[in-house]
C-alpha atoms as a PDB file:
ATOM      1  CA  MET A   1      19.947 -52.313  17.758  1.00  0.00           C
ATOM      2  CA  LYS A   2      18.195 -50.769  14.499  1.00  0.00           C
ATOM      3  CA  LYS A   3      15.260 -50.414  16.151  1.00  0.00           C
ATOM      4  CA  LEU A   4      17.146 -49.122  19.459  1.00  0.00           C
ATOM      5  CA  PHE A   5      18.539 -46.243  17.417  1.00  0.00           C
ATOM      6  CA  VAL A   6      16.168 -45.272  15.201  1.00  0.00           C
ATOM      7  CA  VAL A   7      13.354 -45.069  19.031  1.00  0.00           C
ATOM      8  CA  GLY A   8      16.483 -43.330  20.315  1.00  0.00           C
ATOM      9  CA  LEU A   9      17.545 -40.793  17.253  1.00  0.00           C
ATOM     10  CA  ALA A  10      12.993 -38.904  17.570  1.00  0.00           C
ATOM     11  CA  LEU A  11      13.552 -39.249  21.317  1.00  0.00           C
ATOM     12  CA  ILE A  12      16.485 -37.026  20.596  1.00  0.00           C
ATOM     13  CA  ILE A  13      14.998 -35.029  18.116  1.00  0.00           C
ATOM     14  CA  SER A  14      11.921 -34.384  19.175  1.00  0.00           C
ATOM     15  CA  GLY A  15      13.560 -33.211  22.896  1.00  0.00           C
ATOM     16  CA  CYS A  16      15.468 -30.316  20.604  1.00  0.00           C
ATOM     17  CA  GLY A  17      12.466 -27.958  20.685  1.00  0.00           C
ATOM     18  CA  GLY A  18      15.219 -25.040  21.173  1.00  0.00           C
ATOM     19  CA  GLY A  19      12.763 -22.930  23.765  1.00  0.00           C
ATOM     20  CA  TYR A  20      10.568 -22.327  20.768  1.00  0.00           C
ATOM     21  CA  ASP A  21       7.211 -22.967  23.925  1.00  0.00           C
ATOM     22  CA  SER A  22       6.044 -19.778  23.834  1.00  0.00           C
ATOM     23  CA  LEU A  23       5.294 -17.312  21.360  1.00  0.00           C
ATOM     24  CA  PRO A  24       7.997 -14.403  21.972  1.00  0.00           C
ATOM     25  CA  PRO A  25       6.350 -10.904  23.345  1.00  0.00           C
ATOM     26  CA  GLN A  26       4.934  -7.684  21.164  1.00  0.00           C
ATOM     27  CA  VAL A  27       7.959  -5.044  21.291  1.00  0.00           C
ATOM     28  CA  SER A  28       7.537  -1.513  19.085  1.00  0.00           C
ATOM     29  CA  ASN A  29       8.532  -2.468  15.535  1.00  0.00           C
ATOM     30  CA  GLY A  30       9.081   2.120  15.895  1.00  0.00           C
ATOM     31  CA  ALA A  31       6.202   2.896  13.213  1.00  0.00           C
ATOM     32  CA  GLY A  32       3.109   2.171  15.752  1.00  0.00           C
ATOM     33  CA  GLY A  33       2.436  -0.467  15.245  1.00  0.00           C
ATOM     34  CA  THR A  34       4.357  -3.922  17.725  1.00  0.00           C
ATOM     35  CA  ILE A  35       5.555  -6.838  15.900  1.00  0.00           C
ATOM     36  CA  GLY A  36       5.081  -9.710  17.943  1.00  0.00           C
ATOM     37  CA  ALA A  37       2.571 -12.514  18.753  1.00  0.00           C
ATOM     38  CA  GLY A  38      -0.909 -10.322  18.456  1.00  0.00           C
ATOM     39  CA  GLY A  39       1.396  -7.281  16.716  1.00  0.00           C
ATOM     40  CA  THR A  40      -0.136  -5.005  14.881  1.00  0.00           C
ATOM     41  CA  ILE A  41       0.460  -3.051  11.245  1.00  0.00           C
ATOM     42  CA  GLY A  42       2.157  -0.424  10.991  1.00  0.00           C
ATOM     43  CA  SER A  43      -0.351   2.506  11.228  1.00  0.00           C
ATOM     44  CA  GLY A  44      -1.213   1.479  14.250  1.00  0.00           C
ATOM     45  CA  GLY A  45      -4.537   0.405  14.724  1.00  0.00           C
ATOM     46  CA  SER A  46      -6.107  -3.624  13.686  1.00  0.00           C
ATOM     47  CA  LYS A  47      -4.401  -6.837  12.812  1.00  0.00           C
ATOM     48  CA  ASN A  48      -7.371  -6.093   9.850  1.00  0.00           C
ATOM     49  CA  ASP A  49      -5.453  -2.225   8.390  1.00  0.00           C
ATOM     50  CA  GLY A  50      -3.859  -2.058   6.163  1.00  0.00           C
ATOM     51  CA  ASN A  51      -0.642  -0.714   6.206  1.00  0.00           C
ATOM     52  CA  TRP A  52      -0.275   2.849   5.818  1.00  0.00           C
ATOM     53  CA  LYS A  53       3.091   5.454   5.008  1.00  0.00           C
ATOM     54  CA  TYR A  54       3.202   9.172   6.424  1.00  0.00           C
ATOM     55  CA  GLY A  55       5.205  11.095   5.585  1.00  0.00           C
ATOM     56  CA  SER A  56       6.139  15.154   5.019  1.00  0.00           C
ATOM     57  CA  THR A  57       8.126  17.686   3.148  1.00  0.00           C
ATOM     58  CA  SER A  58       8.709  20.724   5.190  1.00  0.00           C
ATOM     59  CA  ASN A  59      11.234  23.871   4.340  1.00  0.00           C
ATOM     60  CA  ALA A  60      12.341  26.700   5.562  1.00  0.00           C
ATOM     61  CA  GLU A  61       8.508  28.212   5.654  1.00  0.00           C
ATOM     62  CA  GLY A  62       7.233  24.754   7.601  1.00  0.00           C
ATOM     63  CA  VAL A  63       5.434  22.032   5.875  1.00  0.00           C
ATOM     64  CA  PHE A  64       4.523  22.482   2.704  1.00  0.00           C
ATOM     65  CA  SER A  65       2.632  18.633   1.645  1.00  0.00           C
ATOM     66  CA  LEU A  66       1.635  15.174   3.791  1.00  0.00           C
ATOM     67  CA  THR A  67       1.686  12.214   2.317  1.00  0.00           C
ATOM     68  CA  ALA A  68       0.702   8.858   3.167  1.00  0.00           C
ATOM     69  CA  ARG A  69       0.945   5.803   0.375  1.00  0.00           C
ATOM     70  CA  ILE A  70      -0.777   2.695   1.284  1.00  0.00           C
ATOM     71  CA  ASP A  71       1.282  -0.678  -1.487  1.00  0.00           C
ATOM     72  CA  ALA A  72      -0.993  -3.550  -3.621  1.00  0.00           C
ATOM     73  CA  THR A  73      -1.660  -6.694  -1.081  1.00  0.00           C
ATOM     74  CA  ASN A  74      -0.410  -8.960  -4.143  1.00  0.00           C
ATOM     75  CA  THR A  75       2.045  -8.892  -6.195  1.00  0.00           C
ATOM     76  CA  TYR A  76       1.845  -9.682 -10.332  1.00  0.00           C
ATOM     77  CA  THR A  77       5.025 -10.262 -12.655  1.00  0.00           C
ATOM     78  CA  VAL A  78       5.724  -9.101 -16.586  1.00  0.00           C
ATOM     79  CA  PRO A  79       7.020 -11.699 -19.008  1.00  0.00           C
ATOM     80  CA  GLN A  80      10.364  -9.886 -19.191  1.00  0.00           C
ATOM     81  CA  PHE A  81      10.345 -10.325 -15.491  1.00  0.00           C
ATOM     82  CA  PRO A  82       9.791 -13.303 -14.912  1.00  0.00           C
ATOM     83  CA  ASN A  83      10.886 -14.128 -11.476  1.00  0.00           C
ATOM     84  CA  LEU A  84      10.453 -10.559 -10.322  1.00  0.00           C
ATOM     85  CA  ASN A  85       7.600  -9.777  -8.632  1.00  0.00           C
ATOM     86  CA  GLN A  86       5.960  -6.493  -9.168  1.00  0.00           C
ATOM     87  CA  ARG A  87       4.439  -4.962  -6.418  1.00  0.00           C
ATOM     88  CA  SER A  88       1.208  -1.350  -7.434  1.00  0.00           C
ATOM     89  CA  TRP A  89       1.285   0.888  -4.378  1.00  0.00           C
ATOM     90  CA  ILE A  90      -1.031   4.060  -4.529  1.00  0.00           C
ATOM     91  CA  GLU A  91       0.172   7.279  -3.253  1.00  0.00           C
ATOM     92  CA  LEU A  92      -2.045  10.506  -2.079  1.00  0.00           C
ATOM     93  CA  GLU A  93      -0.913  13.875  -0.753  1.00  0.00           C
ATOM     94  CA  LYS A  94      -2.103  17.124   0.153  1.00  0.00           C
ATOM     95  CA  ARG A  95       0.235  20.240  -0.292  1.00  0.00           C
ATOM     96  CA  LYS A  96      -0.541  24.197   0.323  1.00  0.00           C
ATOM     97  CA  MET A  97      -0.391  26.069  -2.342  1.00  0.00           C
ATOM     98  CA  ALA A  98      -0.872  29.103  -0.665  1.00  0.00           C
ATOM     99  CA  VAL A  99      -2.792  30.611   1.661  1.00  0.00           C
ATOM    100  CA  GLY A 100      -5.923  29.375   3.179  1.00  0.00           C
ATOM    101  CA  ILE A 101      -5.309  26.462  -0.360  1.00  0.00           C
ATOM    102  CA  ILE A 102      -5.122  22.850   0.286  1.00  0.00           C
ATOM    103  CA  SER A 103      -4.687  20.942  -3.217  1.00  0.00           C
ATOM    104  CA  LYS A 104      -5.435  16.802  -3.338  1.00  0.00           C
ATOM    105  CA  ARG A 105      -3.308  14.357  -5.549  1.00  0.00           C
ATOM    106  CA  PHE A 106      -3.627  10.953  -6.260  1.00  0.00           C
ATOM    107  CA  THR A 107      -0.885   8.834  -7.631  1.00  0.00           C
ATOM    108  CA  ILE A 108      -0.384   6.085  -8.739  1.00  0.00           C
ATOM    109  CA  PHE A 109       2.026   3.476  -8.678  1.00  0.00           C
ATOM    110  CA  ALA A 110       2.676   0.945 -11.090  1.00  0.00           C
ATOM    111  CA  PRO A 111       6.425  -0.596 -11.775  1.00  0.00           C
ATOM    112  CA  GLU A 112       5.626  -1.568 -15.222  1.00  0.00           C
ATOM    113  CA  GLU A 113       5.148   0.483 -18.566  1.00  0.00           C
ATOM    114  CA  VAL A 114       0.775   0.639 -18.612  1.00  0.00           C
ATOM    115  CA  LYS A 115      -0.837   0.843 -21.750  1.00  0.00           C
ATOM    116  CA  CYS A 116      -2.065   4.613 -21.285  1.00  0.00           C
ATOM    117  CA  THR A 117      -0.083   6.712 -24.606  1.00  0.00           C
ATOM    118  CA  PRO A 118      -0.470   9.416 -23.402  1.00  0.00           C
ATOM    119  CA  SER A 119      -3.820   8.992 -21.588  1.00  0.00           C
ATOM    120  CA  CYS A 120      -6.187   5.741 -20.595  1.00  0.00           C
ATOM    121  CA  GLN A 121      -9.103   5.134 -18.463  1.00  0.00           C
ATOM    122  CA  ILE A 122      -7.943   3.218 -15.044  1.00  0.00           C
ATOM    123  CA  ARG A 123     -11.113   0.930 -13.241  1.00  0.00           C
ATOM    124  CA  ILE A 124     -11.347   1.561  -9.827  1.00  0.00           C
ATOM    125  CA  LYS A 125     -12.921  -0.348  -7.907  1.00  0.00           C
ATOM    126  CA  PHE A 126     -13.643   1.575  -4.576  1.00  0.00           C
ATOM    127  CA  ASN A 127     -16.168  -0.813  -1.571  1.00  0.00           C
ATOM    128  CA  GLY A 128     -17.349  -3.335  -4.295  1.00  0.00           C
ATOM    129  CA  GLY A 129     -17.950  -0.371  -6.883  1.00  0.00           C
ATOM    130  CA  ILE A 130     -16.249  -0.141 -10.453  1.00  0.00           C
ATOM    131  CA  SER A 131     -16.134   3.216 -12.418  1.00  0.00           C
ATOM    132  CA  SER A 132     -14.163   4.255 -15.507  1.00  0.00           C
ATOM    133  CA  TYR A 133     -11.870   7.126 -14.629  1.00  0.00           C
ATOM    134  CA  ASN A 134      -9.454   9.056 -17.056  1.00  0.00           C
ATOM    135  CA  PHE A 135      -5.984   9.306 -16.439  1.00  0.00           C
ATOM    136  CA  LEU A 136      -2.469  10.198 -17.517  1.00  0.00           C
ATOM    137  CA  GLN A 137       1.282   8.296 -17.627  1.00  0.00           C
ATOM    138  CA  ARG A 138       3.797  11.317 -18.507  1.00  0.00           C
ATOM    139  CA  VAL A 139       6.317   9.002 -17.556  1.00  0.00           C
ATOM    140  CA  ASP A 140       6.706   5.141 -17.223  1.00  0.00           C
ATOM    141  CA  GLY A 141       4.462   3.991 -14.995  1.00  0.00           C
ATOM    142  CA  VAL A 142       3.341   6.860 -13.095  1.00  0.00           C
ATOM    143  CA  LEU A 143      -0.536   7.561 -13.426  1.00  0.00           C
ATOM    144  CA  THR A 144      -2.323  10.301 -12.682  1.00  0.00           C
ATOM    145  CA  PRO A 145      -5.719  11.815 -12.571  1.00  0.00           C
ATOM    146  CA  ALA A 146      -6.989  14.267 -16.152  1.00  0.00           C
ATOM    147  CA  SER A 147      -7.436  17.378 -14.251  1.00  0.00           C
ATOM    148  CA  ASP A 148      -7.377  18.298  -9.892  1.00  0.00           C
ATOM    149  CA  GLN A 149     -10.645  18.120  -9.582  1.00  0.00           C
ATOM    150  CA  LEU A 150     -11.020  13.998 -10.943  1.00  0.00           C
ATOM    151  CA  ALA A 151      -7.344  13.511  -8.236  1.00  0.00           C
ATOM    152  CA  ALA A 152      -9.751  15.395  -5.013  1.00  0.00           C
ATOM    153  CA  GLU A 153     -12.168  12.867  -5.311  1.00  0.00           C
ATOM    154  CA  LEU A 154     -10.568   9.695  -5.500  1.00  0.00           C
ATOM    155  CA  PHE A 155      -8.473  10.835  -2.647  1.00  0.00           C
ATOM    156  CA  ASP A 156     -11.381  11.298  -0.972  1.00  0.00           C
ATOM    157  CA  LYS A 157     -12.565   7.696  -2.120  1.00  0.00           C
ATOM    158  CA  THR A 158      -9.894   5.845  -0.599  1.00  0.00           C
ATOM    159  CA  THR A 159      -9.503   7.731   2.463  1.00  0.00           C
ATOM    160  CA  ARG A 160     -12.844   6.484   2.831  1.00  0.00           C
ATOM    161  CA  SER A 161     -13.343   3.271   1.674  1.00  0.00           C
ATOM    162  CA  ASN A 162     -12.090  -0.477   3.648  1.00  0.00           C
ATOM    163  CA  SER A 163     -10.834  -1.583   0.112  1.00  0.00           C
ATOM    164  CA  ALA A 164      -9.977  -0.691  -3.323  1.00  0.00           C
ATOM    165  CA  THR A 165      -8.486  -2.798  -6.480  1.00  0.00           C
ATOM    166  CA  ILE A 166      -7.152  -1.129  -9.421  1.00  0.00           C
ATOM    167  CA  TYR A 167      -7.081  -3.138 -13.114  1.00  0.00           C
ATOM    168  CA  LEU A 168      -3.778  -2.029 -15.371  1.00  0.00           C
ATOM    169  CA  PRO A 169      -3.366  -3.125 -18.221  1.00  0.00           C
ATOM    170  CA  ILE A 170       0.366  -2.720 -17.962  1.00  0.00           C
ATOM    171  CA  ALA A 171       1.535  -3.097 -21.148  1.00  0.00           C
ATOM    172  CA  GLY A 172       3.240  -6.706 -22.600  1.00  0.00           C
ATOM    173  CA  LEU A 173       0.727  -8.754 -19.962  1.00  0.00           C
ATOM    174  CA  SER A 174      -3.047  -9.311 -22.565  1.00  0.00           C
ATOM    175  CA  ASP A 175      -5.049  -9.462 -19.264  1.00  0.00           C
ATOM    176  CA  GLU A 176      -4.784  -6.501 -16.735  1.00  0.00           C
ATOM    177  CA  VAL A 177      -3.603  -6.689 -13.210  1.00  0.00           C
ATOM    178  CA  GLU A 178      -6.081  -6.812 -10.684  1.00  0.00           C
ATOM    179  CA  SER A 179      -3.983  -4.782  -8.185  1.00  0.00           C
ATOM    180  CA  GLU A 180      -5.629  -5.075  -4.789  1.00  0.00           C
ATOM    181  CA  PHE A 181      -5.687  -2.496  -1.306  1.00  0.00           C
ATOM    182  CA  ASN A 182      -6.760  -3.185   2.075  1.00  0.00           C
ATOM    183  CA  LEU A 183      -7.465   0.602   2.679  1.00  0.00           C
ATOM    184  CA  LYS A 184      -8.555   0.373   7.278  1.00  0.00           C
ATOM    185  CA  GLY A 185      -6.477   2.007   9.646  1.00  0.00           C
ATOM    186  CA  TYR A 186      -5.865   5.853   7.664  1.00  0.00           C
ATOM    187  CA  ASN A 187      -5.266   7.854  10.429  1.00  0.00           C
ATOM    188  CA  GLU A 188      -6.697  10.794   8.675  1.00  0.00           C
ATOM    189  CA  ASP A 189      -4.916  13.298  11.746  1.00  0.00           C
ATOM    190  CA  LYS A 190      -1.255  12.299  10.474  1.00  0.00           C
ATOM    191  CA  ILE A 191      -2.308  13.881   6.988  1.00  0.00           C
ATOM    192  CA  LYS A 192      -3.435  17.583   8.345  1.00  0.00           C
ATOM    193  CA  PHE A 193      -2.050  20.410   9.065  1.00  0.00           C
ATOM    194  CA  THR A 194      -1.729  22.531  11.514  1.00  0.00           C
ATOM    195  CA  GLY A 195      -5.797  24.408  11.696  1.00  0.00           C
ATOM    196  CA  GLU A 196      -6.560  22.674   8.880  1.00  0.00           C
ATOM    197  CA  GLN A 197     -10.942  22.170   8.495  1.00  0.00           C
END
């Protein structure tokens, strides 16, 4: 009798598929991509593209700032919050400074203080080539290149690369944190001003 009960129970459980014999259909995610079976990432590109997020700021004279943000694909923990996963991100910005002048900005956001008082060398690997760059930390965890020229150079390298790794010397950690970025799928048109060449 017990064997019959176990066999019957197994048949009942295996028959409870809940109607999920197929994958859900693709639907728009509202950010230019799709979700569901075979969906795309928010940049509107392929499944291999990074998850770029775009924004703009305007005033009475029109749009004066365009931004693109990409989050690291990995997380890290710090001693004071061992149960919290931290994730760094890069923000690129184009800003209208005056008639015909557009500046390019590059900022690294680390959710924790970086050993950078007030300046330091940050190593960044673009597509396998690694270099050190001079950065400033004016606010905890917010790193900006030491010059406008370097900011423009890093902006261009980010938009032309497929991947990047930023080696962050996070305060309280003995080893650098390797924040990895999938830079594929950057959409240049979403961060271009009207009439910009």
